[in-house]
Amino acid sequence: TVDCFEILDNPTEAKKLIGYLPEQPPLYPEMTV
């Protein structure tokens, strides 16, 4: 539960509250920063 939103029941609202950096950053090498 993220701030009253269960992550599987309310994924859109819950994920708005989370920023995630996985072990391999999801970067696009051909883009500028």
PDB file of all heavy atoms in Angstrom:
ATOM      1  N   THR A   1       0.840  -1.194   0.000  1.00  0.00           N
ATOM      2  CA  THR A   1       0.000   0.000   0.000  1.00  0.00           C
ATOM      3  C   THR A   1       0.873   1.241   0.000  1.00  0.00           C
ATOM      4  O   THR A   1       1.744   1.396   0.860  1.00  0.00           O
ATOM      5  CB  THR A   1      -0.923   0.021   1.235  1.00  0.00           C
ATOM      6  OG1 THR A   1      -1.684  -1.189   1.280  1.00  0.00           O
ATOM      7  CG2 THR A   1      -1.872   1.200   1.170  1.00  0.00           C
ATOM      8  N   VAL A   2       0.639   2.108  -0.989  1.00  0.00           N
ATOM      9  CA  VAL A   2       1.396   3.349  -1.109  1.00  0.00           C
ATOM     10  C   VAL A   2       0.435   4.500  -0.873  1.00  0.00           C
ATOM     11  O   VAL A   2      -0.423   4.782  -1.716  1.00  0.00           O
ATOM     12  CB  VAL A   2       2.052   3.477  -2.506  1.00  0.00           C
ATOM     13  CG1 VAL A   2       2.904   4.737  -2.570  1.00  0.00           C
ATOM     14  CG2 VAL A   2       2.882   2.249  -2.827  1.00  0.00           C
ATOM     15  N   ASP A   3       0.544   5.129   0.296  1.00  0.00           N
ATOM     16  CA  ASP A   3      -0.300   6.277   0.608  1.00  0.00           C
ATOM     17  C   ASP A   3      -1.780   5.972   0.362  1.00  0.00           C
ATOM     18  O   ASP A   3      -2.473   6.715  -0.346  1.00  0.00           O
ATOM     19  CB  ASP A   3       0.155   7.480  -0.216  1.00  0.00           C
ATOM     20  CG  ASP A   3      -0.055   8.790   0.524  1.00  0.00           C
ATOM     21  OD1 ASP A   3      -0.245   8.748   1.749  1.00  0.00           O
ATOM     22  OD2 ASP A   3      -0.017   9.853  -0.125  1.00  0.00           O
ATOM     23  N   CYS A   4      -2.235   4.853   0.900  1.00  0.00           N
ATOM     24  CA  CYS A   4      -3.638   4.406   0.826  1.00  0.00           C
ATOM     25  C   CYS A   4      -4.016   3.712  -0.484  1.00  0.00           C
ATOM     26  O   CYS A   4      -5.144   3.205  -0.622  1.00  0.00           O
ATOM     27  CB  CYS A   4      -4.628   5.555   1.065  1.00  0.00           C
ATOM     28  SG  CYS A   4      -4.418   6.347   2.670  1.00  0.00           S
ATOM     29  N   PHE A   5      -3.109   3.649  -1.457  1.00  0.00           N
ATOM     30  CA  PHE A   5      -3.404   2.978  -2.718  1.00  0.00           C
ATOM     31  C   PHE A   5      -2.685   1.628  -2.774  1.00  0.00           C
ATOM     32  O   PHE A   5      -1.454   1.575  -2.691  1.00  0.00           O
ATOM     33  CB  PHE A   5      -2.971   3.833  -3.917  1.00  0.00           C
ATOM     34  CG  PHE A   5      -3.671   5.149  -4.014  1.00  0.00           C
ATOM     35  CD1 PHE A   5      -3.000   6.327  -3.708  1.00  0.00           C
ATOM     36  CD2 PHE A   5      -5.002   5.219  -4.397  1.00  0.00           C
ATOM     37  CE1 PHE A   5      -3.632   7.549  -3.798  1.00  0.00           C
ATOM     38  CE2 PHE A   5      -5.650   6.444  -4.491  1.00  0.00           C
ATOM     39  CZ  PHE A   5      -4.973   7.615  -4.185  1.00  0.00           C
ATOM     40  N   GLU A   6      -3.445   0.557  -2.933  1.00  0.00           N
ATOM     41  CA  GLU A   6      -2.843  -0.770  -3.072  1.00  0.00           C
ATOM     42  C   GLU A   6      -2.282  -0.872  -4.487  1.00  0.00           C
ATOM     43  O   GLU A   6      -2.957  -0.544  -5.458  1.00  0.00           O
ATOM     44  CB  GLU A   6      -3.899  -1.853  -2.831  1.00  0.00           C
ATOM     45  CG  GLU A   6      -3.367  -3.110  -2.154  1.00  0.00           C
ATOM     46  CD  GLU A   6      -2.525  -3.981  -3.100  1.00  0.00           C
ATOM     47  OE1 GLU A   6      -2.771  -3.915  -4.320  1.00  0.00           O
ATOM     48  OE2 GLU A   6      -1.663  -4.719  -2.620  1.00  0.00           O
ATOM     49  N   ILE A   7      -1.027  -1.301  -4.596  1.00  0.00           N
ATOM     50  CA  ILE A   7      -0.302  -1.194  -5.862  1.00  0.00           C
ATOM     51  C   ILE A   7      -0.928  -1.998  -6.990  1.00  0.00           C
ATOM     52  O   ILE A   7      -0.891  -1.587  -8.152  1.00  0.00           O
ATOM     53  CB  ILE A   7       1.187  -1.593  -5.677  1.00  0.00           C
ATOM     54  CG1 ILE A   7       2.025  -1.172  -6.893  1.00  0.00           C
ATOM     55  CG2 ILE A   7       1.326  -3.069  -5.383  1.00  0.00           C
ATOM     56  CD1 ILE A   7       2.270   0.268  -7.028  1.00  0.00           C
ATOM     57  N   LEU A   8      -1.546  -3.137  -6.709  1.00  0.00           N
ATOM     58  CA  LEU A   8      -2.169  -3.932  -7.773  1.00  0.00           C
ATOM     59  C   LEU A   8      -3.613  -3.528  -8.028  1.00  0.00           C
ATOM     60  O   LEU A   8      -4.105  -3.632  -9.153  1.00  0.00           O
ATOM     61  CB  LEU A   8      -2.097  -5.424  -7.424  1.00  0.00           C
ATOM     62  CG  LEU A   8      -0.693  -6.034  -7.346  1.00  0.00           C
ATOM     63  CD1 LEU A   8      -0.770  -7.551  -7.150  1.00  0.00           C
ATOM     64  CD2 LEU A   8       0.128  -5.716  -8.601  1.00  0.00           C
ATOM     65  N   ASP A   9      -4.306  -3.042  -6.983  1.00  0.00           N
ATOM     66  CA  ASP A   9      -5.699  -2.612  -7.151  1.00  0.00           C
ATOM     67  C   ASP A   9      -5.801  -1.224  -7.790  1.00  0.00           C
ATOM     68  O   ASP A   9      -6.723  -0.953  -8.563  1.00  0.00           O
ATOM     69  CB  ASP A   9      -6.421  -2.604  -5.792  1.00  0.00           C
ATOM     70  CG  ASP A   9      -6.595  -3.995  -5.223  1.00  0.00           C
ATOM     71  OD1 ASP A   9      -6.514  -4.971  -6.002  1.00  0.00           O
ATOM     72  OD2 ASP A   9      -6.797  -4.111  -3.994  1.00  0.00           O
ATOM     73  N   ASN A  10      -4.862  -0.334  -7.435  1.00  0.00           N
ATOM     74  CA  ASN A  10      -4.866   1.031  -7.972  1.00  0.00           C
ATOM     75  C   ASN A  10      -3.473   1.387  -8.511  1.00  0.00           C
ATOM     76  O   ASN A  10      -2.802   2.292  -7.994  1.00  0.00           O
ATOM     77  CB  ASN A  10      -5.266   2.034  -6.880  1.00  0.00           C
ATOM     78  CG  ASN A  10      -6.667   1.807  -6.370  1.00  0.00           C
ATOM     79  OD1 ASN A  10      -7.637   2.170  -7.024  1.00  0.00           O
ATOM     80  ND2 ASN A  10      -6.761   1.199  -5.185  1.00  0.00           N
ATOM     81  N   PRO A  11      -3.025   0.676  -9.537  1.00  0.00           N
ATOM     82  CA  PRO A  11      -1.647   0.856  -9.999  1.00  0.00           C
ATOM     83  C   PRO A  11      -1.327   2.256 -10.498  1.00  0.00           C
ATOM     84  O   PRO A  11      -0.238   2.776 -10.258  1.00  0.00           O
ATOM     85  CB  PRO A  11      -1.511  -0.176 -11.125  1.00  0.00           C
ATOM     86  CG  PRO A  11      -2.919  -0.464 -11.571  1.00  0.00           C
ATOM     87  CD  PRO A  11      -3.752  -0.325 -10.346  1.00  0.00           C
ATOM     88  N   THR A  12      -2.254   2.900 -11.191  1.00  0.00           N
ATOM     89  CA  THR A  12      -1.988   4.227 -11.746  1.00  0.00           C
ATOM     90  C   THR A  12      -1.745   5.247 -10.646  1.00  0.00           C
ATOM     91  O   THR A  12      -0.760   6.007 -10.677  1.00  0.00           O
ATOM     92  CB  THR A  12      -3.150   4.690 -12.639  1.00  0.00           C
ATOM     93  OG1 THR A  12      -3.346   3.732 -13.686  1.00  0.00           O
ATOM     94  CG2 THR A  12      -2.850   6.057 -13.243  1.00  0.00           C
ATOM     95  N   GLU A  13      -2.631   5.265  -9.642  1.00  0.00           N
ATOM     96  CA  GLU A  13      -2.487   6.232  -8.552  1.00  0.00           C
ATOM     97  C   GLU A  13      -1.267   5.934  -7.696  1.00  0.00           C
ATOM     98  O   GLU A  13      -0.542   6.845  -7.288  1.00  0.00           O
ATOM     99  CB  GLU A  13      -3.756   6.233  -7.681  1.00  0.00           C
ATOM    100  CG  GLU A  13      -5.008   6.716  -8.385  1.00  0.00           C
ATOM    101  CD  GLU A  13      -4.838   8.120  -8.945  1.00  0.00           C
ATOM    102  OE1 GLU A  13      -4.249   8.973  -8.245  1.00  0.00           O
ATOM    103  OE2 GLU A  13      -5.274   8.366 -10.081  1.00  0.00           O
ATOM    104  N   ALA A  14      -1.025   4.652  -7.434  1.00  0.00           N
ATOM    105  CA  ALA A  14       0.112   4.277  -6.583  1.00  0.00           C
ATOM    106  C   ALA A  14       1.438   4.591  -7.268  1.00  0.00           C
ATOM    107  O   ALA A  14       2.372   5.115  -6.640  1.00  0.00           O
ATOM    108  CB  ALA A  14       0.029   2.789  -6.234  1.00  0.00           C
ATOM    109  N   LYS A  15       1.524   4.309  -8.562  1.00  0.00           N
ATOM    110  CA  LYS A  15       2.801   4.499  -9.273  1.00  0.00           C
ATOM    111  C   LYS A  15       3.151   5.967  -9.471  1.00  0.00           C
ATOM    112  O   LYS A  15       4.323   6.303  -9.663  1.00  0.00           O
ATOM    113  CB  LYS A  15       2.753   3.777 -10.620  1.00  0.00           C
ATOM    114  CG  LYS A  15       2.785   2.254 -10.490  1.00  0.00           C
ATOM    115  CD  LYS A  15       2.696   1.568 -11.843  1.00  0.00           C
ATOM    116  CE  LYS A  15       2.684   0.066 -11.697  1.00  0.00           C
ATOM    117  NZ  LYS A  15       2.592  -0.632 -13.001  1.00  0.00           N
ATOM    118  N   LYS A  16       2.147   6.848  -9.413  1.00  0.00           N
ATOM    119  CA  LYS A  16       2.432   8.275  -9.484  1.00  0.00           C
ATOM    120  C   LYS A  16       3.267   8.737  -8.293  1.00  0.00           C
ATOM    121  O   LYS A  16       3.953   9.755  -8.361  1.00  0.00           O
ATOM    122  CB  LYS A  16       1.118   9.078  -9.511  1.00  0.00           C
ATOM    123  CG  LYS A  16       0.368   9.018 -10.829  1.00  0.00           C
ATOM    124  CD  LYS A  16      -0.897   9.836 -10.740  1.00  0.00           C
ATOM    125  CE  LYS A  16      -1.703   9.771 -12.045  1.00  0.00           C
ATOM    126  NZ  LYS A  16      -2.964  10.548 -11.936  1.00  0.00           N
ATOM    127  N   LEU A  17       3.197   7.980  -7.217  1.00  0.00           N
ATOM    128  CA  LEU A  17       3.889   8.355  -5.982  1.00  0.00           C
ATOM    129  C   LEU A  17       5.276   7.743  -5.880  1.00  0.00           C
ATOM    130  O   LEU A  17       5.977   7.956  -4.885  1.00  0.00           O
ATOM    131  CB  LEU A  17       3.050   7.919  -4.775  1.00  0.00           C
ATOM    132  CG  LEU A  17       1.626   8.486  -4.708  1.00  0.00           C
ATOM    133  CD1 LEU A  17       0.843   7.831  -3.584  1.00  0.00           C
ATOM    134  CD2 LEU A  17       1.677   9.994  -4.515  1.00  0.00           C
ATOM    135  N   ILE A  18       5.675   6.951  -6.903  1.00  0.00           N
ATOM    136  CA  ILE A  18       6.937   6.223  -6.840  1.00  0.00           C
ATOM    137  C   ILE A  18       7.836   6.582  -8.013  1.00  0.00           C
ATOM    138  O   ILE A  18       7.405   6.605  -9.163  1.00  0.00           O
ATOM    139  CB  ILE A  18       6.688   4.700  -6.859  1.00  0.00           C
ATOM    140  CG1 ILE A  18       5.869   4.265  -5.642  1.00  0.00           C
ATOM    141  CG2 ILE A  18       8.007   3.924  -6.894  1.00  0.00           C
ATOM    142  CD1 ILE A  18       5.446   2.796  -5.682  1.00  0.00           C
ATOM    143  N   GLY A  19       9.086   6.874  -7.697  1.00  0.00           N
ATOM    144  CA  GLY A  19      10.120   7.012  -8.717  1.00  0.00           C
ATOM    145  C   GLY A  19      11.092   5.859  -8.547  1.00  0.00           C
ATOM    146  O   GLY A  19      11.511   5.563  -7.425  1.00  0.00           O
ATOM    147  N   TYR A  20      11.462   5.207  -9.652  1.00  0.00           N
ATOM    148  CA  TYR A  20      12.227   3.962  -9.541  1.00  0.00           C
ATOM    149  C   TYR A  20      13.458   3.988 -10.447  1.00  0.00           C
ATOM    150  O   TYR A  20      13.373   4.306 -11.627  1.00  0.00           O
ATOM    151  CB  TYR A  20      11.317   2.794  -9.936  1.00  0.00           C
ATOM    152  CG  TYR A  20      11.957   1.423  -9.854  1.00  0.00           C
ATOM    153  CD1 TYR A  20      12.816   1.071  -8.822  1.00  0.00           C
ATOM    154  CD2 TYR A  20      11.674   0.467 -10.828  1.00  0.00           C
ATOM    155  CE1 TYR A  20      13.384  -0.184  -8.753  1.00  0.00           C
ATOM    156  CE2 TYR A  20      12.230  -0.812 -10.766  1.00  0.00           C
ATOM    157  CZ  TYR A  20      13.084  -1.125  -9.724  1.00  0.00           C
ATOM    158  OH  TYR A  20      13.651  -2.379  -9.655  1.00  0.00           O
ATOM    159  N   LEU A  21      14.599   3.658  -9.855  1.00  0.00           N
ATOM    160  CA  LEU A  21      15.823   3.457 -10.623  1.00  0.00           C
ATOM    161  C   LEU A  21      16.224   1.994 -10.487  1.00  0.00           C
ATOM    162  O   LEU A  21      16.737   1.582  -9.443  1.00  0.00           O
ATOM    163  CB  LEU A  21      16.960   4.343 -10.105  1.00  0.00           C
ATOM    164  CG  LEU A  21      18.337   4.068 -10.729  1.00  0.00           C
ATOM    165  CD1 LEU A  21      18.334   4.434 -12.207  1.00  0.00           C
ATOM    166  CD2 LEU A  21      19.437   4.802  -9.993  1.00  0.00           C
ATOM    167  N   PRO A  22      15.993   1.169 -11.528  1.00  0.00           N
ATOM    168  CA  PRO A  22      16.429  -0.226 -11.466  1.00  0.00           C
ATOM    169  C   PRO A  22      17.946  -0.319 -11.533  1.00  0.00           C
ATOM    170  O   PRO A  22      18.638   0.680 -11.778  1.00  0.00           O
ATOM    171  CB  PRO A  22      15.771  -0.861 -12.691  1.00  0.00           C
ATOM    172  CG  PRO A  22      15.510   0.269 -13.615  1.00  0.00           C
ATOM    173  CD  PRO A  22      15.294   1.490 -12.784  1.00  0.00           C
ATOM    174  N   GLU A  23      18.464  -1.521 -11.303  1.00  0.00           N
ATOM    175  CA  GLU A  23      19.913  -1.706 -11.286  1.00  0.00           C
ATOM    176  C   GLU A  23      20.543  -1.282 -12.611  1.00  0.00           C
ATOM    177  O   GLU A  23      21.632  -0.724 -12.644  1.00  0.00           O
ATOM    178  CB  GLU A  23      20.246  -3.167 -10.980  1.00  0.00           C
ATOM    179  CG  GLU A  23      21.724  -3.427 -10.805  1.00  0.00           C
ATOM    180  CD  GLU A  23      22.012  -4.837 -10.330  1.00  0.00           C
ATOM    181  OE1 GLU A  23      21.071  -5.548  -9.939  1.00  0.00           O
ATOM    182  OE2 GLU A  23      23.190  -5.234 -10.369  1.00  0.00           O
ATOM    183  N   GLN A  24      19.852  -1.552 -13.719  1.00  0.00           N
ATOM    184  CA  GLN A  24      20.294  -1.080 -15.026  1.00  0.00           C
ATOM    185  C   GLN A  24      19.410   0.104 -15.418  1.00  0.00           C
ATOM    186  O   GLN A  24      18.248  -0.083 -15.752  1.00  0.00           O
ATOM    187  CB  GLN A  24      20.179  -2.198 -16.072  1.00  0.00           C
ATOM    188  CG  GLN A  24      21.061  -3.396 -15.803  1.00  0.00           C
ATOM    189  CD  GLN A  24      22.533  -3.054 -15.884  1.00  0.00           C
ATOM    190  OE1 GLN A  24      22.939  -2.204 -16.662  1.00  0.00           O
ATOM    191  NE2 GLN A  24      23.350  -3.723 -15.067  1.00  0.00           N
ATOM    192  N   PRO A  25      19.923   1.336 -15.369  1.00  0.00           N
ATOM    193  CA  PRO A  25      19.092   2.512 -15.664  1.00  0.00           C
ATOM    194  C   PRO A  25      18.436   2.410 -17.038  1.00  0.00           C
ATOM    195  O   PRO A  25      19.088   2.044 -18.018  1.00  0.00           O
ATOM    196  CB  PRO A  25      20.097   3.677 -15.629  1.00  0.00           C
ATOM    197  CG  PRO A  25      21.207   3.189 -14.755  1.00  0.00           C
ATOM    198  CD  PRO A  25      21.305   1.713 -15.010  1.00  0.00           C
ATOM    199  N   PRO A  26      17.134   2.722 -17.130  1.00  0.00           N
ATOM    200  CA  PRO A  26      16.401   2.599 -18.397  1.00  0.00           C
ATOM    201  C   PRO A  26      16.655   3.788 -19.316  1.00  0.00           C
ATOM    202  O   PRO A  26      15.780   4.626 -19.546  1.00  0.00           O
ATOM    203  CB  PRO A  26      14.943   2.548 -17.931  1.00  0.00           C
ATOM    204  CG  PRO A  26      14.943   3.397 -16.692  1.00  0.00           C
ATOM    205  CD  PRO A  26      16.265   3.176 -16.024  1.00  0.00           C
ATOM    206  N   LEU A  27      17.856   3.864 -19.850  1.00  0.00           N
ATOM    207  CA  LEU A  27      18.250   5.017 -20.656  1.00  0.00           C
ATOM    208  C   LEU A  27      18.205   4.702 -22.146  1.00  0.00           C
ATOM    209  O   LEU A  27      18.359   3.545 -22.551  1.00  0.00           O
ATOM    210  CB  LEU A  27      19.666   5.462 -20.270  1.00  0.00           C
ATOM    211  CG  LEU A  27      19.912   5.740 -18.784  1.00  0.00           C
ATOM    212  CD1 LEU A  27      21.354   6.160 -18.564  1.00  0.00           C
ATOM    213  CD2 LEU A  27      18.952   6.806 -18.265  1.00  0.00           C
ATOM    214  N   TYR A  28      18.038   5.755 -22.964  1.00  0.00           N
ATOM    215  CA  TYR A  28      18.076   5.641 -24.420  1.00  0.00           C
ATOM    216  C   TYR A  28      19.353   6.334 -24.910  1.00  0.00           C
ATOM    217  O   TYR A  28      19.419   7.570 -24.934  1.00  0.00           O
ATOM    218  CB  TYR A  28      16.836   6.268 -25.043  1.00  0.00           C
ATOM    219  CG  TYR A  28      15.582   5.473 -24.786  1.00  0.00           C
ATOM    220  CD1 TYR A  28      14.831   5.681 -23.621  1.00  0.00           C
ATOM    221  CD2 TYR A  28      15.160   4.489 -25.681  1.00  0.00           C
ATOM    222  CE1 TYR A  28      13.683   4.947 -23.369  1.00  0.00           C
ATOM    223  CE2 TYR A  28      14.012   3.746 -25.435  1.00  0.00           C
ATOM    224  CZ  TYR A  28      13.281   3.974 -24.276  1.00  0.00           C
ATOM    225  OH  TYR A  28      12.158   3.230 -24.038  1.00  0.00           O
ATOM    226  N   PRO A  29      20.361   5.562 -25.294  1.00  0.00           N
ATOM    227  CA  PRO A  29      21.683   6.139 -25.593  1.00  0.00           C
ATOM    228  C   PRO A  29      21.698   7.132 -26.745  1.00  0.00           C
ATOM    229  O   PRO A  29      22.578   8.002 -26.800  1.00  0.00           O
ATOM    230  CB  PRO A  29      22.544   4.907 -25.894  1.00  0.00           C
ATOM    231  CG  PRO A  29      21.590   3.808 -26.224  1.00  0.00           C
ATOM    232  CD  PRO A  29      20.367   4.084 -25.409  1.00  0.00           C
ATOM    233  N   GLU A  30      20.752   7.042 -27.683  1.00  0.00           N
ATOM    234  CA  GLU A  30      20.763   7.957 -28.828  1.00  0.00           C
ATOM    235  C   GLU A  30      20.089   9.292 -28.536  1.00  0.00           C
ATOM    236  O   GLU A  30      20.101  10.191 -29.376  1.00  0.00           O
ATOM    237  CB  GLU A  30      20.068   7.289 -30.029  1.00  0.00           C
ATOM    238  CG  GLU A  30      20.722   5.986 -30.478  1.00  0.00           C
ATOM    239  CD  GLU A  30      22.195   6.166 -30.837  1.00  0.00           C
ATOM    240  OE1 GLU A  30      22.540   7.242 -31.368  1.00  0.00           O
ATOM    241  OE2 GLU A  30      22.987   5.248 -30.570  1.00  0.00           O
ATOM    242  N   MET A  31      19.495   9.419 -27.358  1.00  0.00           N
ATOM    243  CA  MET A  31      18.871  10.681 -26.965  1.00  0.00           C
ATOM    244  C   MET A  31      19.866  11.544 -26.199  1.00  0.00           C
ATOM    245  O   MET A  31      20.793  11.029 -25.565  1.00  0.00           O
ATOM    246  CB  MET A  31      17.663  10.430 -26.048  1.00  0.00           C
ATOM    247  CG  MET A  31      16.444   9.853 -26.721  1.00  0.00           C
ATOM    248  SD  MET A  31      15.091   9.723 -25.506  1.00  0.00           S
ATOM    249  CE  MET A  31      13.753   9.176 -26.559  1.00  0.00           C
ATOM    250  N   THR A  32      19.660  12.853 -26.243  1.00  0.00           N
ATOM    251  CA  THR A  32      20.386  13.720 -25.321  1.00  0.00           C
ATOM    252  C   THR A  32      19.708  13.609 -23.960  1.00  0.00           C
ATOM    253  O   THR A  32      18.571  13.118 -23.847  1.00  0.00           O
ATOM    254  CB  THR A  32      20.361  15.191 -25.774  1.00  0.00           C
ATOM    255  OG1 THR A  32      19.010  15.687 -25.711  1.00  0.00           O
ATOM    256  CG2 THR A  32      20.911  15.343 -27.183  1.00  0.00           C
ATOM    257  N   VAL A  33      20.385  14.084 -22.940  1.00  0.00           N
ATOM    258  CA  VAL A  33      19.812  14.036 -21.589  1.00  0.00           C
ATOM    259  C   VAL A  33      18.493  14.798 -21.542  1.00  0.00           C
ATOM    260  O   VAL A  33      17.500  14.316 -20.989  1.00  0.00           O
ATOM    261  CB  VAL A  33      20.812  14.624 -20.568  1.00  0.00           C
ATOM    262  CG1 VAL A  33      20.162  14.767 -19.198  1.00  0.00           C
ATOM    263  CG2 VAL A  33      22.061  13.760 -20.482  1.00  0.00           C
TER     264      VAL A  33
END
